[in-house]
């Protein structure tokens, strides 16, 4: 599946009459909730001795992606906008790649 097809399908499952405030709240809370489910799966793997359930993690990551794409749209951003800004931020922080020393001593906290 290509990204544009996915993006269009996200909006197939969005209630069209939501106000911007509702969209923001739904997206932010949904993103937190689904990210928490990813963390819960990993917690159970590491601390409770559960088996790795890649299928369940894939499903939860899909839900994270849904809310992420929805939030980007609500903010008037594209996923590409977010990716480019993130790359620029990381290149500024770690121009030669990650190092623990730079991580500890970096000046910017964003």
C-alpha atoms as a PDB file:
ATOM      1  CA  UNK A   1       0.000   0.000   0.000  1.00  0.00           C
ATOM      2  CA  UNK A   2       1.276   3.470  -0.779  1.00  0.00           C
ATOM      3  CA  UNK A   3       1.039   6.312   1.715  1.00  0.00           C
ATOM      4  CA  UNK A   4      -1.542   8.395  -0.185  1.00  0.00           C
ATOM      5  CA  UNK A   5      -3.920   5.438  -0.339  1.00  0.00           C
ATOM      6  CA  UNK A   6      -3.459   4.975   3.411  1.00  0.00           C
ATOM      7  CA  UNK A   7      -4.011   8.680   4.111  1.00  0.00           C
ATOM      8  CA  UNK A   8      -7.244   8.684   2.131  1.00  0.00           C
ATOM      9  CA  UNK A   9      -8.448   5.621   4.013  1.00  0.00           C
ATOM     10  CA  UNK A  10      -7.824   7.358   7.339  1.00  0.00           C
ATOM     11  CA  UNK A  11     -10.387   9.981   6.397  1.00  0.00           C
ATOM     12  CA  UNK A  12     -12.869   7.334   5.337  1.00  0.00           C
ATOM     13  CA  UNK A  13     -13.114   6.462   9.032  1.00  0.00           C
ATOM     14  CA  UNK A  14     -13.283   9.995  10.467  1.00  0.00           C
ATOM     15  CA  UNK A  15     -16.553  11.587  11.509  1.00  0.00           C
ATOM     16  CA  UNK A  16     -16.757  14.499   9.032  1.00  0.00           C
ATOM     17  CA  UNK A  17     -18.628  16.937  11.289  1.00  0.00           C
ATOM     18  CA  UNK A  18     -15.960  17.194  14.008  1.00  0.00           C
ATOM     19  CA  UNK A  19     -14.781  20.658  14.941  1.00  0.00           C
ATOM     20  CA  UNK A  20     -11.045  21.355  14.983  1.00  0.00           C
ATOM     21  CA  UNK A  21     -10.960  21.232  18.799  1.00  0.00           C
ATOM     22  CA  UNK A  22     -12.561  17.786  18.763  1.00  0.00           C
ATOM     23  CA  UNK A  23     -10.166  16.591  16.067  1.00  0.00           C
ATOM     24  CA  UNK A  24      -7.176  17.787  18.090  1.00  0.00           C
ATOM     25  CA  UNK A  25      -8.413  16.102  21.232  1.00  0.00           C
ATOM     26  CA  UNK A  26      -9.304  12.849  19.492  1.00  0.00           C
ATOM     27  CA  UNK A  27      -5.944  12.735  17.724  1.00  0.00           C
ATOM     28  CA  UNK A  28      -3.833  13.595  20.770  1.00  0.00           C
ATOM     29  CA  UNK A  29      -5.637  11.273  23.173  1.00  0.00           C
ATOM     30  CA  UNK A  30      -5.781   8.478  20.619  1.00  0.00           C
ATOM     31  CA  UNK A  31      -2.077   8.814  19.878  1.00  0.00           C
ATOM     32  CA  UNK A  32      -1.268   8.614  23.591  1.00  0.00           C
ATOM     33  CA  UNK A  33      -3.586   5.667  24.155  1.00  0.00           C
ATOM     34  CA  UNK A  34      -2.322   3.621  21.248  1.00  0.00           C
ATOM     35  CA  UNK A  35       1.317   4.418  22.076  1.00  0.00           C
ATOM     36  CA  UNK A  36       0.544   3.186  25.578  1.00  0.00           C
ATOM     37  CA  UNK A  37      -0.705  -0.091  24.124  1.00  0.00           C
ATOM     38  CA  UNK A  38       2.589  -0.503  22.250  1.00  0.00           C
ATOM     39  CA  UNK A  39       4.451   0.150  25.504  1.00  0.00           C
ATOM     40  CA  UNK A  40       2.190  -2.304  27.352  1.00  0.00           C
ATOM     41  CA  UNK A  41       3.039  -5.058  24.858  1.00  0.00           C
ATOM     42  CA  UNK A  42       6.761  -4.404  25.264  1.00  0.00           C
ATOM     43  CA  UNK A  43       6.423  -4.227  29.072  1.00  0.00           C
ATOM     44  CA  UNK A  44       4.748  -7.624  29.131  1.00  0.00           C
ATOM     45  CA  UNK A  45       7.519  -9.016  26.932  1.00  0.00           C
ATOM     46  CA  UNK A  46      10.363  -7.649  29.047  1.00  0.00           C
ATOM     47  CA  UNK A  47       8.974  -7.848  32.572  1.00  0.00           C
ATOM     48  CA  UNK A  48       6.207 -10.472  32.532  1.00  0.00           C
ATOM     49  CA  UNK A  49       7.784 -13.121  30.362  1.00  0.00           C
ATOM     50  CA  UNK A  50       5.193 -12.927  27.580  1.00  0.00           C
ATOM     51  CA  UNK A  51       6.144 -14.033  24.098  1.00  0.00           C
ATOM     52  CA  UNK A  52       6.822 -11.445  21.412  1.00  0.00           C
ATOM     53  CA  UNK A  53       3.551 -10.867  19.568  1.00  0.00           C
ATOM     54  CA  UNK A  54       4.654  -9.073  16.410  1.00  0.00           C
ATOM     55  CA  UNK A  55       1.146  -9.238  14.991  1.00  0.00           C
ATOM     56  CA  UNK A  56      -0.327  -7.420  18.001  1.00  0.00           C
ATOM     57  CA  UNK A  57       2.455  -4.827  17.893  1.00  0.00           C
ATOM     58  CA  UNK A  58       1.883  -4.325  14.159  1.00  0.00           C
ATOM     59  CA  UNK A  59      -1.807  -3.704  14.837  1.00  0.00           C
ATOM     60  CA  UNK A  60      -1.072  -1.197  17.615  1.00  0.00           C
ATOM     61  CA  UNK A  61       1.540   0.576  15.465  1.00  0.00           C
ATOM     62  CA  UNK A  62      -1.112   0.827  12.756  1.00  0.00           C
ATOM     63  CA  UNK A  63      -3.399   2.565  15.247  1.00  0.00           C
ATOM     64  CA  UNK A  64      -0.547   4.918  16.216  1.00  0.00           C
ATOM     65  CA  UNK A  65      -0.045   5.692  12.533  1.00  0.00           C
ATOM     66  CA  UNK A  66      -3.773   6.381  12.054  1.00  0.00           C
ATOM     67  CA  UNK A  67      -3.837   8.970  14.842  1.00  0.00           C
ATOM     68  CA  UNK A  68      -0.502  10.457  13.717  1.00  0.00           C
ATOM     69  CA  UNK A  69      -1.748  10.981  10.156  1.00  0.00           C
ATOM     70  CA  UNK A  70      -5.034  12.395  11.472  1.00  0.00           C
ATOM     71  CA  UNK A  71      -3.207  14.811  13.796  1.00  0.00           C
ATOM     72  CA  UNK A  72      -0.893  15.979  11.021  1.00  0.00           C
ATOM     73  CA  UNK A  73      -3.888  16.760   8.832  1.00  0.00           C
ATOM     74  CA  UNK A  74      -5.682  18.546  11.661  1.00  0.00           C
ATOM     75  CA  UNK A  75      -2.614  20.753  12.171  1.00  0.00           C
ATOM     76  CA  UNK A  76      -2.282  21.453   8.453  1.00  0.00           C
ATOM     77  CA  UNK A  77       0.951  19.472   8.224  1.00  0.00           C
ATOM     78  CA  UNK A  78       1.969  16.663   5.956  1.00  0.00           C
ATOM     79  CA  UNK A  79       3.820  13.634   7.222  1.00  0.00           C
ATOM     80  CA  UNK A  80       6.676  14.773   4.966  1.00  0.00           C
ATOM     81  CA  UNK A  81       6.725  18.154   6.799  1.00  0.00           C
ATOM     82  CA  UNK A  82       7.160  16.329  10.103  1.00  0.00           C
ATOM     83  CA  UNK A  83       9.832  14.008   8.720  1.00  0.00           C
ATOM     84  CA  UNK A  84      11.859  16.873   7.246  1.00  0.00           C
ATOM     85  CA  UNK A  85      11.694  18.898  10.474  1.00  0.00           C
ATOM     86  CA  UNK A  86      12.720  15.872  12.503  1.00  0.00           C
ATOM     87  CA  UNK A  87      15.695  15.118  10.245  1.00  0.00           C
ATOM     88  CA  UNK A  88      16.834  18.767  10.468  1.00  0.00           C
ATOM     89  CA  UNK A  89      16.543  18.692  14.278  1.00  0.00           C
ATOM     90  CA  UNK A  90      18.524  15.448  14.593  1.00  0.00           C
ATOM     91  CA  UNK A  91      21.215  16.609  12.166  1.00  0.00           C
ATOM     92  CA  UNK A  92      21.649  19.755  14.232  1.00  0.00           C
ATOM     93  CA  UNK A  93      21.927  17.742  17.453  1.00  0.00           C
ATOM     94  CA  UNK A  94      24.111  14.995  16.019  1.00  0.00           C
ATOM     95  CA  UNK A  95      25.916  16.286  12.919  1.00  0.00           C
ATOM     96  CA  UNK A  96      28.293  13.307  12.893  1.00  0.00           C
ATOM     97  CA  UNK A  97      25.747  10.732  14.061  1.00  0.00           C
ATOM     98  CA  UNK A  98      24.696   9.820  17.578  1.00  0.00           C
ATOM     99  CA  UNK A  99      27.163   9.979  20.423  1.00  0.00           C
ATOM    100  CA  UNK A 100      26.472   9.662  24.142  1.00  0.00           C
ATOM    101  CA  UNK A 101      28.745  12.609  24.855  1.00  0.00           C
ATOM    102  CA  UNK A 102      26.791  14.927  22.521  1.00  0.00           C
ATOM    103  CA  UNK A 103      23.531  13.667  23.976  1.00  0.00           C
ATOM    104  CA  UNK A 104      24.621  14.496  27.519  1.00  0.00           C
ATOM    105  CA  UNK A 105      26.212  17.858  26.653  1.00  0.00           C
ATOM    106  CA  UNK A 106      23.807  19.167  24.009  1.00  0.00           C
ATOM    107  CA  UNK A 107      22.505  22.670  24.519  1.00  0.00           C
ATOM    108  CA  UNK A 108      19.132  22.452  22.804  1.00  0.00           C
ATOM    109  CA  UNK A 109      16.476  20.472  24.656  1.00  0.00           C
ATOM    110  CA  UNK A 110      13.843  20.209  21.931  1.00  0.00           C
END
